Structures are given as structure tokens and as C-alpha cells.
Amino acid sequence: KRLKSQLDGFHNEYEIVGDVRGLGPMMAMELVKDRESKTPAADEAKALVKYCFGRGLILLSCGAYGNVIRLLMPLVITEDQLNTGLEILNDGLAVIAQ
């Protein structure tokens, strides 16, 4: 529930997050250049993956256009680990959304 809530917050805060979907710990964020046209933001997704990897968070970009960030954390993740990962993801979104 917390993960979904946080990702929905990213959707509200960052125009580049066009959609949030998934169930339980398996979630995805679709990155778009424009929410109206839903043009895929594949380069931005690659930049986000690179940014997060450099800070210790491994993400996957996937989807037909490479613009979907897939998240799947273990069910035994600690609150601190989840917080750290979400902070890194938030920081990365702030950087690429500029």
C-alpha cells in the first residue's frame, strides 16, 4: 500500500510519470514526454535507470518502447530499505523531469 501511495505521489508531482500500475510489490511507472499525447520517454527512462544505479538502486526499463520502469522488491524488504529506494527514485525523477 505504501509503495502504491508513493508512486501515485510521483505521478501527481512529476508530469513525466504518465501512468502507475501493478499489484502488490510488482509495480510499474510509464514515463511519457507528454501526458496528452502519451509519447514514450525512453531516453528519460534510460537516464533514470542510470542515475539510480549509480546510487545503489537497480531498476529495469522495459515495455515495447523502453519507457516503463518496472519495480519488484522482495516481500521481506525492510522499511528503511524501501525508504532509501524511494528517496533515490524520487531524486532521479526530479533530475530527469527538469
Protein backbone atom coordinates (compact mmCIF):
# COMPACT_ATOMS: atom_id res chain seq x y z
CA LYS A 1 0.00 0.00 0.00
CA ARG A 2 2.82 2.35 0.85
CA LEU A 3 4.60 1.72 -2.44
CA LYS A 4 1.44 2.38 -4.47
CA SER A 5 0.78 5.54 -2.48
CA GLN A 6 4.32 6.83 -3.07
CA LEU A 7 4.24 6.04 -6.79
CA ASP A 8 0.87 7.77 -7.11
CA GLY A 9 2.54 10.75 -5.42
CA PHE A 10 5.28 10.68 -8.08
CA HIS A 11 2.52 10.66 -10.72
CA ASN A 12 0.99 13.76 -9.14
CA GLU A 13 4.33 15.54 -8.73
CA TYR A 14 6.11 14.73 -11.99
CA GLU A 15 4.46 15.23 -15.39
CA ILE A 16 6.88 12.69 -16.86
CA VAL A 17 5.12 9.89 -14.94
CA GLY A 18 2.22 9.13 -17.24
CA ASP A 19 0.85 6.05 -15.51
CA VAL A 20 1.35 3.90 -12.42
CA ARG A 21 0.15 0.31 -12.47
CA GLY A 22 0.67 -3.04 -10.85
CA LEU A 23 -0.25 -5.13 -7.88
CA GLY A 24 1.48 -5.61 -4.55
CA PRO A 25 5.26 -5.25 -4.76
CA MET A 26 5.26 -5.59 -8.57
CA MET A 27 4.62 -2.09 -9.85
CA ALA A 28 5.46 -0.07 -12.95
CA MET A 29 5.70 3.59 -13.89
CA GLU A 30 5.27 4.58 -17.50
CA LEU A 31 7.35 7.62 -18.44
CA VAL A 32 5.98 9.93 -21.12
CA LYS A 33 7.15 13.15 -22.74
CA ASP A 34 3.61 14.49 -22.67
CA ARG A 35 0.61 13.07 -20.83
CA GLU A 36 -1.77 14.27 -23.51
CA SER A 37 -0.08 12.52 -26.44
CA LYS A 38 1.46 9.80 -24.24
CA THR A 39 4.66 9.93 -26.30
CA PRO A 40 7.06 7.39 -24.75
CA ALA A 41 10.04 8.85 -22.86
CA ALA A 42 12.54 6.05 -23.50
CA ASP A 43 15.66 8.23 -23.22
CA GLU A 44 14.46 9.61 -19.91
CA ALA A 45 13.76 6.08 -18.65
CA LYS A 46 17.33 5.08 -19.53
CA ALA A 47 18.64 8.19 -17.76
CA LEU A 48 16.58 7.34 -14.65
CA VAL A 49 17.88 3.76 -14.60
CA LYS A 50 21.47 5.04 -14.92
CA TYR A 51 21.00 7.70 -12.23
CA CYS A 52 19.51 5.23 -9.75
CA PHE A 53 22.08 2.53 -10.49
CA GLY A 54 24.85 4.98 -9.68
CA ARG A 55 23.28 5.44 -6.25
CA GLY A 56 22.77 1.75 -5.50
CA LEU A 57 19.21 1.18 -6.76
CA ILE A 58 18.71 -1.30 -9.57
CA LEU A 59 15.72 -0.59 -11.83
CA LEU A 60 14.58 -2.18 -15.08
CA SER A 61 13.33 -0.29 -18.08
CA CYS A 62 11.01 -2.39 -20.18
CA GLY A 63 7.94 -2.21 -22.36
CA ALA A 64 7.59 -2.04 -26.12
CA TYR A 65 9.20 1.43 -26.18
CA GLY A 66 11.59 1.01 -23.25
CA ASN A 67 9.81 3.72 -21.29
CA VAL A 68 8.36 1.66 -18.44
CA ILE A 69 10.21 1.42 -15.14
CA ARG A 70 9.45 -1.91 -13.51
CA LEU A 71 9.74 -2.29 -9.75
CA LEU A 72 9.75 -5.56 -7.87
CA MET A 73 11.13 -5.62 -4.37
CA PRO A 74 11.25 -8.63 -2.07
CA LEU A 75 8.34 -9.16 0.26
CA VAL A 76 10.84 -9.11 3.14
CA ILE A 77 12.14 -5.60 2.35
CA THR A 78 12.65 -3.51 5.47
CA GLU A 79 11.03 -0.11 5.93
CA ASP A 80 14.46 1.53 5.83
CA GLN A 81 15.37 -0.20 2.57
CA LEU A 82 12.07 0.80 1.00
CA ASN A 83 12.52 4.40 2.16
CA THR A 84 16.06 4.55 0.75
CA GLY A 85 14.97 3.15 -2.61
CA LEU A 86 12.03 5.54 -2.89
CA GLU A 87 14.25 8.50 -1.99
CA ILE A 88 16.71 7.57 -4.73
CA LEU A 89 13.86 7.13 -7.20
CA ASN A 90 12.36 10.49 -6.22
CA ASP A 91 15.73 12.21 -6.62
CA GLY A 92 16.17 10.62 -10.04
CA LEU A 93 12.74 11.69 -11.20
CA ALA A 94 13.47 15.25 -10.05
CA VAL A 95 16.68 15.26 -12.12
CA ILE A 96 15.20 13.87 -15.33
CA ALA A 97 12.00 15.90 -15.10
CA GLN A 98 13.86 19.22 -15.35
